[in-house]
Amino acid sequence: MTSQDRTSPPQQQYAERSYRSPAALVGGALLLLLGLWLGGDALLRGDVHTKLTALFALLLGVPLVVAFTLRPLVRAGEDRLTVRNPFRTITLPWGAVEDLRAAFSAEVFTSGGKYQLWAIPVSLRQRKKVSRQAARGSAARPRFGLNADAGPVPRAMADQTLDELREIKERATHRESAQGEPVARWSYAVLAPLVVGAVGLAVMVAV
């Protein structure tokens, strides 16, 4: 071991974090089961026209459900943020991320524009509930003689998630390996069957 190895601390590694919407995952799974049950019944019992219509409907419906419920994902790595939206995957080096905000939807901002974070839904109802809880807690402190350090201020789930992402960004934003330009790729595995299903269904409805 060299003297440089002894004096230089090892670079700290941060575990990759992934964020998804549990409600979307459950809803998507239920919709897929319902669609496959109805479509499968039509494929088994229907005539030729009904079978083709059901087939194209499944080719259209299944990718749509997957795209908007099961596919969305936000993955925060040490050097980059990966945003998987319904039809695109965007890779953002942390150095290219300028801000993260959650108003009516969660969004990440770069110098070239902004991208919505579909996997992090913003619930205005949850925010109001948290605000009411915080207000009740503040009102109760003087009554019971609690001090100002009674605990952290509660936050809605989307706001907590963006706080975590901002912390990761602050740690990585000046790292050389976290520099670069955003890269966006279309998800043709979702788009191709969706287009085939839409065209085929339109033809079957027209005949």
N, C-alpha and C. Protein backbone atom coordinates (compact mmCIF):
# COMPACT_ATOMS: atom_id res chain seq x y z
N MET A 1 0.85 -1.20 0.00
CA MET A 1 0.00 0.00 0.00
C MET A 1 0.88 1.24 0.00
N THR A 2 0.67 2.18 -0.90
CA THR A 2 1.45 3.40 -0.98
C THR A 2 1.00 4.39 0.06
N SER A 3 1.85 5.45 0.26
CA SER A 3 1.48 6.50 1.21
C SER A 3 0.25 7.24 0.75
N GLN A 4 0.07 7.37 -0.58
CA GLN A 4 -1.11 8.05 -1.11
C GLN A 4 -2.37 7.26 -0.80
N ASP A 5 -2.26 5.89 -0.86
CA ASP A 5 -3.41 5.06 -0.54
C ASP A 5 -3.79 5.18 0.92
N ARG A 6 -2.77 5.35 1.79
CA ARG A 6 -3.06 5.44 3.21
C ARG A 6 -3.69 6.76 3.61
N THR A 7 -3.29 7.84 2.91
CA THR A 7 -3.75 9.18 3.30
C THR A 7 -5.03 9.60 2.59
N SER A 8 -5.36 9.01 1.44
CA SER A 8 -6.54 9.42 0.67
C SER A 8 -7.73 8.58 1.08
N PRO A 9 -8.80 9.21 1.57
CA PRO A 9 -9.99 8.44 1.96
C PRO A 9 -10.69 7.87 0.75
N PRO A 10 -11.27 6.70 0.85
CA PRO A 10 -11.98 6.13 -0.30
C PRO A 10 -13.18 6.98 -0.67
N GLN A 11 -13.46 7.05 -1.97
CA GLN A 11 -14.60 7.83 -2.44
C GLN A 11 -15.90 7.20 -1.96
N GLN A 12 -16.76 8.01 -1.37
CA GLN A 12 -18.02 7.49 -0.83
C GLN A 12 -18.97 7.12 -1.95
N GLN A 13 -19.58 5.97 -1.83
CA GLN A 13 -20.52 5.50 -2.82
C GLN A 13 -21.94 5.62 -2.28
N TYR A 14 -22.85 6.02 -3.14
CA TYR A 14 -24.24 6.19 -2.73
C TYR A 14 -25.10 5.16 -3.46
N ALA A 15 -25.96 4.53 -2.71
CA ALA A 15 -26.83 3.52 -3.31
C ALA A 15 -27.82 4.17 -4.26
N GLU A 16 -28.06 3.50 -5.37
CA GLU A 16 -29.02 4.00 -6.35
C GLU A 16 -30.43 3.91 -5.77
N ARG A 17 -31.22 4.94 -5.98
CA ARG A 17 -32.59 4.97 -5.46
C ARG A 17 -33.57 4.99 -6.63
N SER A 18 -34.65 4.25 -6.46
CA SER A 18 -35.70 4.20 -7.48
C SER A 18 -37.02 4.64 -6.87
N TYR A 19 -37.81 5.35 -7.65
CA TYR A 19 -39.09 5.87 -7.18
C TYR A 19 -40.17 5.50 -8.19
N ARG A 20 -41.28 4.93 -7.68
CA ARG A 20 -42.43 4.59 -8.51
C ARG A 20 -43.69 4.89 -7.71
N SER A 21 -44.82 4.94 -8.40
CA SER A 21 -46.10 5.19 -7.75
C SER A 21 -46.77 3.86 -7.42
N PRO A 22 -46.89 3.49 -6.14
CA PRO A 22 -47.56 2.24 -5.78
C PRO A 22 -49.00 2.18 -6.28
N ALA A 23 -49.72 3.30 -6.19
CA ALA A 23 -51.11 3.32 -6.65
C ALA A 23 -51.20 3.03 -8.14
N ALA A 24 -50.27 3.58 -8.93
CA ALA A 24 -50.27 3.33 -10.37
C ALA A 24 -49.95 1.88 -10.67
N LEU A 25 -49.05 1.28 -9.92
CA LEU A 25 -48.69 -0.12 -10.14
C LEU A 25 -49.89 -1.04 -9.87
N VAL A 26 -50.58 -0.79 -8.77
CA VAL A 26 -51.75 -1.61 -8.43
C VAL A 26 -52.86 -1.41 -9.45
N GLY A 27 -53.15 -0.14 -9.78
CA GLY A 27 -54.20 0.15 -10.75
C GLY A 27 -53.88 -0.45 -12.11
N GLY A 28 -52.62 -0.36 -12.54
CA GLY A 28 -52.24 -0.92 -13.83
C GLY A 28 -52.38 -2.43 -13.87
N ALA A 29 -51.98 -3.10 -12.79
CA ALA A 29 -52.11 -4.55 -12.74
C ALA A 29 -53.57 -4.98 -12.82
N LEU A 30 -54.44 -4.27 -12.11
CA LEU A 30 -55.87 -4.60 -12.15
C LEU A 30 -56.47 -4.37 -13.54
N LEU A 31 -56.09 -3.27 -14.17
CA LEU A 31 -56.59 -2.99 -15.52
C LEU A 31 -56.11 -4.04 -16.52
N LEU A 32 -54.88 -4.46 -16.38
CA LEU A 32 -54.36 -5.50 -17.29
C LEU A 32 -55.10 -6.81 -17.10
N LEU A 33 -55.35 -7.18 -15.85
CA LEU A 33 -56.09 -8.41 -15.60
C LEU A 33 -57.50 -8.35 -16.18
N LEU A 34 -58.16 -7.21 -16.01
CA LEU A 34 -59.50 -7.04 -16.56
C LEU A 34 -59.49 -7.09 -18.08
N GLY A 35 -58.55 -6.37 -18.69
CA GLY A 35 -58.47 -6.35 -20.15
C GLY A 35 -58.13 -7.70 -20.74
N LEU A 36 -57.20 -8.43 -20.11
CA LEU A 36 -56.84 -9.76 -20.62
C LEU A 36 -57.98 -10.75 -20.44
N TRP A 37 -58.74 -10.60 -19.36
CA TRP A 37 -59.89 -11.48 -19.14
C TRP A 37 -60.96 -11.26 -20.21
N LEU A 38 -61.31 -9.98 -20.45
CA LEU A 38 -62.33 -9.68 -21.46
C LEU A 38 -61.83 -10.01 -22.86
N GLY A 39 -60.58 -9.61 -23.15
CA GLY A 39 -60.04 -9.87 -24.48
C GLY A 39 -59.84 -11.36 -24.73
N GLY A 40 -59.37 -12.08 -23.70
CA GLY A 40 -59.18 -13.51 -23.86
C GLY A 40 -60.48 -14.24 -24.11
N ASP A 41 -61.54 -13.80 -23.43
CA ASP A 41 -62.84 -14.42 -23.65
C ASP A 41 -63.32 -14.20 -25.08
N ALA A 42 -63.10 -12.97 -25.60
CA ALA A 42 -63.51 -12.68 -26.98
C ALA A 42 -62.68 -13.49 -27.97
N LEU A 43 -61.39 -13.66 -27.69
CA LEU A 43 -60.54 -14.43 -28.59
C LEU A 43 -60.93 -15.91 -28.61
N LEU A 44 -61.42 -16.41 -27.51
CA LEU A 44 -61.77 -17.82 -27.43
C LEU A 44 -63.17 -18.12 -27.97
N ARG A 45 -64.09 -17.21 -27.73
CA ARG A 45 -65.50 -17.50 -28.02
C ARG A 45 -66.06 -16.77 -29.24
N GLY A 46 -65.40 -15.72 -29.68
CA GLY A 46 -65.97 -14.88 -30.74
C GLY A 46 -65.76 -15.44 -32.14
N ASP A 47 -66.44 -14.80 -33.12
CA ASP A 47 -66.21 -15.16 -34.52
C ASP A 47 -64.92 -14.48 -34.99
N VAL A 48 -64.63 -14.63 -36.29
CA VAL A 48 -63.36 -14.12 -36.81
C VAL A 48 -63.25 -12.61 -36.63
N HIS A 49 -64.33 -11.89 -36.95
CA HIS A 49 -64.32 -10.44 -36.83
C HIS A 49 -64.13 -10.02 -35.37
N THR A 50 -64.82 -10.70 -34.46
CA THR A 50 -64.70 -10.38 -33.05
C THR A 50 -63.29 -10.68 -32.53
N LYS A 51 -62.72 -11.80 -32.97
CA LYS A 51 -61.38 -12.15 -32.54
C LYS A 51 -60.34 -11.13 -32.99
N LEU A 52 -60.45 -10.71 -34.26
CA LEU A 52 -59.49 -9.72 -34.77
C LEU A 52 -59.66 -8.38 -34.05
N THR A 53 -60.92 -8.00 -33.80
CA THR A 53 -61.18 -6.75 -33.08
C THR A 53 -60.59 -6.82 -31.67
N ALA A 54 -60.78 -7.93 -30.99
CA ALA A 54 -60.23 -8.10 -29.64
C ALA A 54 -58.72 -8.07 -29.66
N LEU A 55 -58.12 -8.71 -30.67
CA LEU A 55 -56.66 -8.74 -30.77
C LEU A 55 -56.09 -7.33 -30.92
N PHE A 56 -56.66 -6.55 -31.84
CA PHE A 56 -56.16 -5.19 -32.05
C PHE A 56 -56.45 -4.29 -30.84
N ALA A 57 -57.58 -4.54 -30.18
CA ALA A 57 -57.89 -3.76 -28.97
C ALA A 57 -56.87 -4.04 -27.88
N LEU A 58 -56.44 -5.31 -27.77
CA LEU A 58 -55.41 -5.63 -26.78
C LEU A 58 -54.06 -5.02 -27.16
N LEU A 59 -53.74 -5.04 -28.46
CA LEU A 59 -52.49 -4.43 -28.91
C LEU A 59 -52.47 -2.93 -28.64
N LEU A 60 -53.64 -2.31 -28.65
CA LEU A 60 -53.73 -0.88 -28.34
C LEU A 60 -53.79 -0.64 -26.83
N GLY A 61 -54.62 -1.41 -26.15
CA GLY A 61 -54.88 -1.12 -24.73
C GLY A 61 -53.77 -1.53 -23.79
N VAL A 62 -53.18 -2.71 -24.01
CA VAL A 62 -52.14 -3.19 -23.10
C VAL A 62 -50.93 -2.24 -23.07
N PRO A 63 -50.38 -1.82 -24.22
CA PRO A 63 -49.26 -0.88 -24.16
C PRO A 63 -49.62 0.45 -23.50
N LEU A 64 -50.86 0.92 -23.72
CA LEU A 64 -51.27 2.17 -23.08
C LEU A 64 -51.29 2.04 -21.56
N VAL A 65 -51.87 0.95 -21.08
CA VAL A 65 -51.92 0.73 -19.63
C VAL A 65 -50.52 0.60 -19.06
N VAL A 66 -49.68 -0.19 -19.72
CA VAL A 66 -48.30 -0.36 -19.26
C VAL A 66 -47.56 0.97 -19.26
N ALA A 67 -47.74 1.75 -20.33
CA ALA A 67 -47.01 3.01 -20.46
C ALA A 67 -47.34 3.99 -19.35
N PHE A 68 -48.60 4.08 -18.97
CA PHE A 68 -49.00 5.11 -18.01
C PHE A 68 -49.06 4.63 -16.56
N THR A 69 -48.92 3.32 -16.33
CA THR A 69 -49.01 2.83 -14.95
C THR A 69 -47.77 2.06 -14.51
N LEU A 70 -47.34 1.06 -15.27
CA LEU A 70 -46.23 0.21 -14.86
C LEU A 70 -44.87 0.75 -15.29
N ARG A 71 -44.81 1.45 -16.38
CA ARG A 71 -43.52 1.89 -16.93
C ARG A 71 -42.88 3.07 -16.20
N PRO A 72 -43.62 4.10 -15.78
CA PRO A 72 -42.97 5.29 -15.20
C PRO A 72 -42.06 4.94 -14.02
N LEU A 73 -40.86 5.52 -14.05
CA LEU A 73 -39.85 5.25 -13.03
C LEU A 73 -38.88 6.43 -12.99
N VAL A 74 -38.44 6.76 -11.79
CA VAL A 74 -37.36 7.72 -11.61
C VAL A 74 -36.25 7.01 -10.86
N ARG A 75 -35.05 6.98 -11.45
CA ARG A 75 -33.91 6.31 -10.82
C ARG A 75 -32.80 7.34 -10.60
N ALA A 76 -32.41 7.51 -9.35
CA ALA A 76 -31.38 8.47 -8.98
C ALA A 76 -30.09 7.73 -8.69
N GLY A 77 -29.13 7.87 -9.59
CA GLY A 77 -27.83 7.25 -9.40
C GLY A 77 -26.82 8.25 -8.89
N GLU A 78 -25.60 7.81 -8.74
CA GLU A 78 -24.55 8.67 -8.22
C GLU A 78 -24.21 9.80 -9.18
N ASP A 79 -24.29 9.53 -10.48
CA ASP A 79 -23.87 10.52 -11.48
C ASP A 79 -25.00 11.05 -12.34
N ARG A 80 -26.14 10.36 -12.36
CA ARG A 80 -27.19 10.80 -13.28
C ARG A 80 -28.58 10.43 -12.76
N LEU A 81 -29.55 11.14 -13.29
CA LEU A 81 -30.96 10.91 -13.00
C LEU A 81 -31.60 10.32 -14.25
N THR A 82 -32.23 9.17 -14.11
CA THR A 82 -32.92 8.53 -15.22
C THR A 82 -34.41 8.66 -15.02
N VAL A 83 -35.09 9.23 -16.00
CA VAL A 83 -36.53 9.46 -15.93
C VAL A 83 -37.20 8.63 -17.01
N ARG A 84 -37.97 7.65 -16.59
CA ARG A 84 -38.68 6.79 -17.55
C ARG A 84 -40.15 7.18 -17.53
N ASN A 85 -40.57 7.88 -18.57
CA ASN A 85 -41.94 8.34 -18.73
C ASN A 85 -42.70 7.40 -19.67
N PRO A 86 -43.99 7.63 -19.90
CA PRO A 86 -44.76 6.68 -20.71
C PRO A 86 -44.14 6.31 -22.05
N PHE A 87 -43.64 7.29 -22.80
CA PHE A 87 -43.15 7.00 -24.14
C PHE A 87 -41.69 7.36 -24.36
N ARG A 88 -41.02 7.90 -23.34
CA ARG A 88 -39.61 8.27 -23.50
C ARG A 88 -38.83 7.93 -22.24
N THR A 89 -37.53 7.74 -22.42
CA THR A 89 -36.60 7.60 -21.30
C THR A 89 -35.57 8.71 -21.43
N ILE A 90 -35.44 9.52 -20.39
CA ILE A 90 -34.53 10.65 -20.40
C ILE A 90 -33.42 10.42 -19.39
N THR A 91 -32.18 10.49 -19.84
CA THR A 91 -31.02 10.35 -18.97
C THR A 91 -30.41 11.72 -18.76
N LEU A 92 -30.36 12.16 -17.49
CA LEU A 92 -29.91 13.50 -17.15
C LEU A 92 -28.70 13.42 -16.22
N PRO A 93 -27.51 13.75 -16.70
CA PRO A 93 -26.38 13.88 -15.77
C PRO A 93 -26.72 14.95 -14.72
N TRP A 94 -26.32 14.72 -13.47
CA TRP A 94 -26.70 15.67 -12.42
C TRP A 94 -26.20 17.07 -12.70
N GLY A 95 -25.08 17.19 -13.41
CA GLY A 95 -24.57 18.52 -13.74
C GLY A 95 -25.48 19.30 -14.68
N ALA A 96 -26.34 18.58 -15.43
CA ALA A 96 -27.26 19.24 -16.36
C ALA A 96 -28.58 19.61 -15.70
N VAL A 97 -28.82 19.12 -14.47
CA VAL A 97 -30.07 19.40 -13.77
C VAL A 97 -29.96 20.76 -13.06
N GLU A 98 -30.87 21.67 -13.40
CA GLU A 98 -30.86 22.99 -12.79
C GLU A 98 -31.79 23.09 -11.59
N ASP A 99 -32.92 22.40 -11.65
CA ASP A 99 -33.87 22.50 -10.55
C ASP A 99 -34.85 21.34 -10.60
N LEU A 100 -35.47 21.08 -9.46
CA LEU A 100 -36.54 20.08 -9.34
C LEU A 100 -37.68 20.74 -8.60
N ARG A 101 -38.88 20.71 -9.19
CA ARG A 101 -40.02 21.39 -8.58
C ARG A 101 -41.25 20.50 -8.63
N ALA A 102 -42.16 20.75 -7.69
CA ALA A 102 -43.44 20.04 -7.66
C ALA A 102 -44.54 21.03 -7.37
N ALA A 103 -45.26 21.44 -8.41
CA ALA A 103 -46.43 22.31 -8.24
C ALA A 103 -47.67 21.43 -8.41
N PHE A 104 -48.20 21.38 -9.61
CA PHE A 104 -49.30 20.45 -9.90
C PHE A 104 -48.76 19.11 -10.40
N SER A 105 -47.49 19.09 -10.83
CA SER A 105 -46.82 17.86 -11.21
C SER A 105 -45.34 18.03 -10.87
N ALA A 106 -44.65 16.90 -10.70
CA ALA A 106 -43.22 16.93 -10.41
C ALA A 106 -42.46 17.10 -11.72
N GLU A 107 -41.49 18.02 -11.73
CA GLU A 107 -40.76 18.33 -12.95
C GLU A 107 -39.29 18.54 -12.64
N VAL A 108 -38.45 18.19 -13.61
CA VAL A 108 -37.02 18.45 -13.53
C VAL A 108 -36.67 19.43 -14.64
N PHE A 109 -35.87 20.44 -14.31
CA PHE A 109 -35.54 21.51 -15.25
C PHE A 109 -34.06 21.44 -15.64
N THR A 110 -33.80 21.64 -16.94
CA THR A 110 -32.45 21.75 -17.46
C THR A 110 -32.37 23.04 -18.28
N SER A 111 -31.18 23.34 -18.78
CA SER A 111 -31.04 24.55 -19.60
C SER A 111 -31.82 24.43 -20.90
N GLY A 112 -32.10 23.21 -21.34
CA GLY A 112 -32.81 23.01 -22.59
C GLY A 112 -34.31 22.85 -22.46
N GLY A 113 -34.82 22.82 -21.24
CA GLY A 113 -36.27 22.67 -21.05
C GLY A 113 -36.58 21.94 -19.77
N LYS A 114 -37.76 21.35 -19.72
CA LYS A 114 -38.18 20.63 -18.52
C LYS A 114 -38.79 19.29 -18.92
N TYR A 115 -38.76 18.36 -17.97
CA TYR A 115 -39.31 17.04 -18.17
C TYR A 115 -40.18 16.68 -16.96
N GLN A 116 -41.35 16.13 -17.25
CA GLN A 116 -42.25 15.74 -16.17
C GLN A 116 -41.83 14.40 -15.59
N LEU A 117 -41.97 14.27 -14.27
CA LEU A 117 -41.64 13.03 -13.58
C LEU A 117 -42.94 12.27 -13.31
N TRP A 118 -43.33 11.43 -14.26
CA TRP A 118 -44.60 10.71 -14.15
C TRP A 118 -44.63 9.77 -12.95
N ALA A 119 -43.47 9.27 -12.55
CA ALA A 119 -43.43 8.29 -11.46
C ALA A 119 -43.60 8.91 -10.08
N ILE A 120 -43.59 10.25 -10.02
CA ILE A 120 -43.74 10.95 -8.73
C ILE A 120 -45.00 11.81 -8.81
N PRO A 121 -46.17 11.24 -8.56
CA PRO A 121 -47.41 12.04 -8.65
C PRO A 121 -47.52 13.02 -7.50
N VAL A 122 -48.08 14.19 -7.80
CA VAL A 122 -48.30 15.22 -6.78
C VAL A 122 -49.77 15.18 -6.37
N SER A 123 -50.00 14.96 -5.10
CA SER A 123 -51.36 14.89 -4.57
C SER A 123 -51.67 16.18 -3.80
N LEU A 124 -52.53 17.03 -4.38
CA LEU A 124 -52.91 18.26 -3.68
C LEU A 124 -53.71 17.93 -2.42
N ARG A 125 -54.48 16.85 -2.49
CA ARG A 125 -55.24 16.43 -1.31
C ARG A 125 -54.31 16.05 -0.16
N GLN A 126 -53.24 15.32 -0.50
CA GLN A 126 -52.29 14.94 0.54
C GLN A 126 -51.59 16.17 1.12
N ARG A 127 -51.28 17.13 0.27
CA ARG A 127 -50.65 18.35 0.76
C ARG A 127 -51.56 19.10 1.73
N LYS A 128 -52.84 19.20 1.42
CA LYS A 128 -53.78 19.87 2.31
C LYS A 128 -53.88 19.13 3.64
N LYS A 129 -53.88 17.80 3.58
CA LYS A 129 -53.97 17.00 4.80
C LYS A 129 -52.74 17.23 5.67
N VAL A 130 -51.56 17.24 5.04
CA VAL A 130 -50.32 17.47 5.79
C VAL A 130 -50.31 18.87 6.38
N SER A 131 -50.80 19.85 5.62
CA SER A 131 -50.85 21.22 6.12
C SER A 131 -51.76 21.34 7.33
N ARG A 132 -52.90 20.63 7.30
CA ARG A 132 -53.81 20.66 8.45
C ARG A 132 -53.17 20.01 9.67
N GLN A 133 -52.46 18.90 9.45
CA GLN A 133 -51.78 18.24 10.56
C GLN A 133 -50.71 19.14 11.16
N ALA A 134 -49.97 19.85 10.29
CA ALA A 134 -48.93 20.75 10.79
C ALA A 134 -49.54 21.90 11.58
N ALA A 135 -50.68 22.42 11.07
CA ALA A 135 -51.34 23.53 11.77
C ALA A 135 -51.85 23.09 13.13
N ARG A 136 -52.42 21.87 13.21
CA ARG A 136 -52.89 21.37 14.50
C ARG A 136 -51.73 21.15 15.46
N GLY A 137 -50.60 20.67 14.93
CA GLY A 137 -49.43 20.47 15.78
C GLY A 137 -48.89 21.77 16.32
N SER A 138 -48.88 22.81 15.46
CA SER A 138 -48.40 24.12 15.91
C SER A 138 -49.31 24.71 16.97
N ALA A 139 -50.61 24.53 16.81
CA ALA A 139 -51.56 25.06 17.79
C ALA A 139 -51.48 24.32 19.12
N ALA A 140 -51.07 23.04 19.08
CA ALA A 140 -51.04 22.24 20.31
C ALA A 140 -49.79 22.49 21.14
N ARG A 141 -48.73 23.01 20.54
CA ARG A 141 -47.48 23.17 21.28
C ARG A 141 -47.59 24.11 22.47
N PRO A 142 -48.14 25.31 22.34
CA PRO A 142 -48.23 26.19 23.50
C PRO A 142 -49.11 25.60 24.60
N ARG A 143 -50.18 24.88 24.20
CA ARG A 143 -51.11 24.34 25.18
C ARG A 143 -50.43 23.33 26.09
N PHE A 144 -49.54 22.52 25.52
CA PHE A 144 -48.90 21.48 26.31
C PHE A 144 -47.47 21.83 26.68
N GLY A 145 -47.11 23.06 26.40
CA GLY A 145 -45.79 23.53 26.80
C GLY A 145 -44.65 22.92 26.01
N LEU A 146 -44.89 22.54 24.77
CA LEU A 146 -43.85 21.96 23.95
C LEU A 146 -42.98 23.06 23.36
N ASN A 147 -41.73 22.77 23.16
CA ASN A 147 -40.83 23.78 22.61
C ASN A 147 -40.90 23.76 21.09
N ALA A 148 -40.11 24.64 20.50
CA ALA A 148 -40.17 24.80 19.04
C ALA A 148 -39.51 23.63 18.30
N ASP A 149 -38.73 22.81 19.05
CA ASP A 149 -38.04 21.70 18.40
C ASP A 149 -38.78 20.39 18.62
N ALA A 150 -40.12 20.43 18.51
CA ALA A 150 -40.92 19.25 18.79
C ALA A 150 -40.77 18.16 17.74
N GLY A 151 -40.26 18.50 16.56
CA GLY A 151 -40.09 17.49 15.53
C GLY A 151 -40.08 18.13 14.16
N PRO A 152 -39.73 17.38 13.13
CA PRO A 152 -39.69 17.92 11.78
C PRO A 152 -41.09 18.25 11.26
N VAL A 153 -41.14 19.24 10.39
CA VAL A 153 -42.41 19.62 9.79
C VAL A 153 -42.81 18.54 8.79
N PRO A 154 -44.03 17.99 8.87
CA PRO A 154 -44.44 16.93 7.94
C PRO A 154 -44.49 17.44 6.51
N ARG A 155 -44.19 16.56 5.57
CA ARG A 155 -44.17 16.91 4.15
C ARG A 155 -44.95 15.86 3.37
N ALA A 156 -45.58 16.30 2.27
CA ALA A 156 -46.25 15.36 1.37
C ALA A 156 -45.21 14.46 0.71
N MET A 157 -45.66 13.29 0.25
CA MET A 157 -44.74 12.30 -0.29
C MET A 157 -43.93 12.84 -1.47
N ALA A 158 -44.58 13.54 -2.40
CA ALA A 158 -43.86 14.08 -3.56
C ALA A 158 -42.81 15.09 -3.13
N ASP A 159 -43.14 15.93 -2.15
CA ASP A 159 -42.18 16.93 -1.67
C ASP A 159 -41.00 16.26 -0.97
N GLN A 160 -41.25 15.20 -0.21
CA GLN A 160 -40.17 14.46 0.43
C GLN A 160 -39.23 13.86 -0.61
N THR A 161 -39.82 13.29 -1.67
CA THR A 161 -39.02 12.67 -2.71
C THR A 161 -38.15 13.69 -3.42
N LEU A 162 -38.71 14.86 -3.73
CA LEU A 162 -37.91 15.89 -4.40
C LEU A 162 -36.83 16.43 -3.48
N ASP A 163 -37.08 16.48 -2.17
CA ASP A 163 -36.04 16.87 -1.22
C ASP A 163 -34.86 15.90 -1.29
N GLU A 164 -35.15 14.60 -1.36
CA GLU A 164 -34.09 13.60 -1.48
C GLU A 164 -33.31 13.77 -2.78
N LEU A 165 -34.04 14.00 -3.89
CA LEU A 165 -33.37 14.17 -5.17
C LEU A 165 -32.50 15.42 -5.18
N ARG A 166 -32.95 16.48 -4.53
CA ARG A 166 -32.13 17.70 -4.45
C ARG A 166 -30.85 17.45 -3.66
N GLU A 167 -30.94 16.66 -2.60
CA GLU A 167 -29.75 16.33 -1.82
C GLU A 167 -28.74 15.55 -2.66
N ILE A 168 -29.23 14.58 -3.44
CA ILE A 168 -28.34 13.81 -4.30
C ILE A 168 -27.72 14.71 -5.35
N LYS A 169 -28.51 15.61 -5.90
CA LYS A 169 -28.01 16.55 -6.91
C LYS A 169 -26.91 17.43 -6.33
N GLU A 170 -27.11 17.95 -5.13
CA GLU A 170 -26.11 18.83 -4.51
C GLU A 170 -24.79 18.10 -4.30
N ARG A 171 -24.85 16.81 -3.96
CA ARG A 171 -23.62 16.04 -3.75
C ARG A 171 -22.89 15.78 -5.07
N ALA A 172 -23.64 15.67 -6.16
CA ALA A 172 -23.05 15.21 -7.42
C ALA A 172 -22.81 16.29 -8.45
N THR A 173 -23.43 17.45 -8.28
CA THR A 173 -23.50 18.43 -9.38
C THR A 173 -22.13 18.89 -9.86
N HIS A 174 -21.10 18.89 -8.99
CA HIS A 174 -19.77 19.37 -9.40
C HIS A 174 -18.81 18.22 -9.71
N ARG A 175 -19.28 16.98 -9.62
CA ARG A 175 -18.43 15.84 -9.92
C ARG A 175 -18.21 15.73 -11.42
N GLU A 176 -17.00 15.46 -11.81
CA GLU A 176 -16.67 15.39 -13.24
C GLU A 176 -17.47 14.32 -13.95
N SER A 177 -17.67 13.17 -13.29
CA SER A 177 -18.40 12.07 -13.92
C SER A 177 -19.90 12.34 -14.03
N ALA A 178 -20.37 13.43 -13.41
CA ALA A 178 -21.80 13.76 -13.45
C ALA A 178 -22.10 14.87 -14.45
N GLN A 179 -21.15 15.16 -15.34
CA GLN A 179 -21.36 16.20 -16.35
C GLN A 179 -21.80 15.58 -17.67
N GLY A 180 -22.43 16.38 -18.51
CA GLY A 180 -22.86 15.91 -19.82
C GLY A 180 -24.19 16.54 -20.22
N GLU A 181 -24.70 16.09 -21.33
CA GLU A 181 -25.95 16.61 -21.87
C GLU A 181 -27.07 15.59 -21.69
N PRO A 182 -28.32 16.08 -21.54
CA PRO A 182 -29.46 15.17 -21.45
C PRO A 182 -29.61 14.35 -22.73
N VAL A 183 -30.04 13.11 -22.57
CA VAL A 183 -30.29 12.22 -23.70
C VAL A 183 -31.69 11.65 -23.57
N ALA A 184 -32.52 11.84 -24.60
CA ALA A 184 -33.90 11.34 -24.59
C ALA A 184 -34.07 10.29 -25.68
N ARG A 185 -34.67 9.17 -25.31
CA ARG A 185 -34.90 8.08 -26.27
C ARG A 185 -36.37 7.70 -26.24
N TRP A 186 -36.95 7.48 -27.42
CA TRP A 186 -38.33 7.02 -27.52
C TRP A 186 -38.41 5.53 -27.20
N SER A 187 -39.50 5.11 -26.61
CA SER A 187 -39.71 3.69 -26.29
C SER A 187 -40.50 3.04 -27.41
N TYR A 188 -39.80 2.52 -28.40
CA TYR A 188 -40.47 1.92 -29.55
C TYR A 188 -41.14 0.60 -29.18
N ALA A 189 -40.68 -0.05 -28.10
CA ALA A 189 -41.32 -1.29 -27.66
C ALA A 189 -42.76 -1.03 -27.20
N VAL A 190 -43.05 0.19 -26.77
CA VAL A 190 -44.41 0.57 -26.40
C VAL A 190 -45.15 1.15 -27.60
N LEU A 191 -44.47 1.98 -28.36
CA LEU A 191 -45.13 2.70 -29.46
C LEU A 191 -45.51 1.80 -30.62
N ALA A 192 -44.66 0.82 -30.97
CA ALA A 192 -44.92 -0.02 -32.15
C ALA A 192 -46.23 -0.82 -32.02
N PRO A 193 -46.43 -1.61 -30.97
CA PRO A 193 -47.71 -2.35 -30.88
C PRO A 193 -48.90 -1.42 -30.70
N LEU A 194 -48.68 -0.27 -30.07
CA LEU A 194 -49.77 0.68 -29.89
C LEU A 194 -50.27 1.19 -31.24
N VAL A 195 -49.34 1.54 -32.14
CA VAL A 195 -49.71 2.03 -33.46
C VAL A 195 -50.39 0.93 -34.27
N VAL A 196 -49.84 -0.28 -34.22
CA VAL A 196 -50.45 -1.41 -34.95
C VAL A 196 -51.85 -1.65 -34.44
N GLY A 197 -52.03 -1.64 -33.11
CA GLY A 197 -53.35 -1.85 -32.54
C GLY A 197 -54.33 -0.78 -32.92
N ALA A 198 -53.89 0.49 -32.91
CA ALA A 198 -54.79 1.60 -33.25
C ALA A 198 -55.23 1.53 -34.71
N VAL A 199 -54.28 1.25 -35.61
CA VAL A 199 -54.62 1.15 -37.04
C VAL A 199 -55.54 -0.05 -37.27
N GLY A 200 -55.19 -1.18 -36.71
CA GLY A 200 -56.01 -2.38 -36.91
C GLY A 200 -57.40 -2.23 -36.35
N LEU A 201 -57.52 -1.63 -35.17
CA LEU A 201 -58.83 -1.44 -34.58
C LEU A 201 -59.68 -0.49 -35.41
N ALA A 202 -59.06 0.57 -35.95
CA ALA A 202 -59.79 1.49 -36.80
C ALA A 202 -60.33 0.80 -38.05
N VAL A 203 -59.51 -0.10 -38.61
CA VAL A 203 -59.95 -0.84 -39.80
C VAL A 203 -61.10 -1.78 -39.46
N MET A 204 -61.00 -2.48 -38.33
CA MET A 204 -62.03 -3.43 -37.96
C MET A 204 -63.36 -2.73 -37.63
N VAL A 205 -63.29 -1.55 -37.05
CA VAL A 205 -64.52 -0.80 -36.76
C VAL A 205 -65.16 -0.29 -38.03
N ALA A 206 -64.31 0.05 -39.02
CA ALA A 206 -64.82 0.62 -40.27
C ALA A 206 -65.48 -0.42 -41.16
N VAL A 207 -65.03 -1.69 -41.09
CA VAL A 207 -65.61 -2.71 -41.98
C VAL A 207 -66.88 -3.31 -41.41
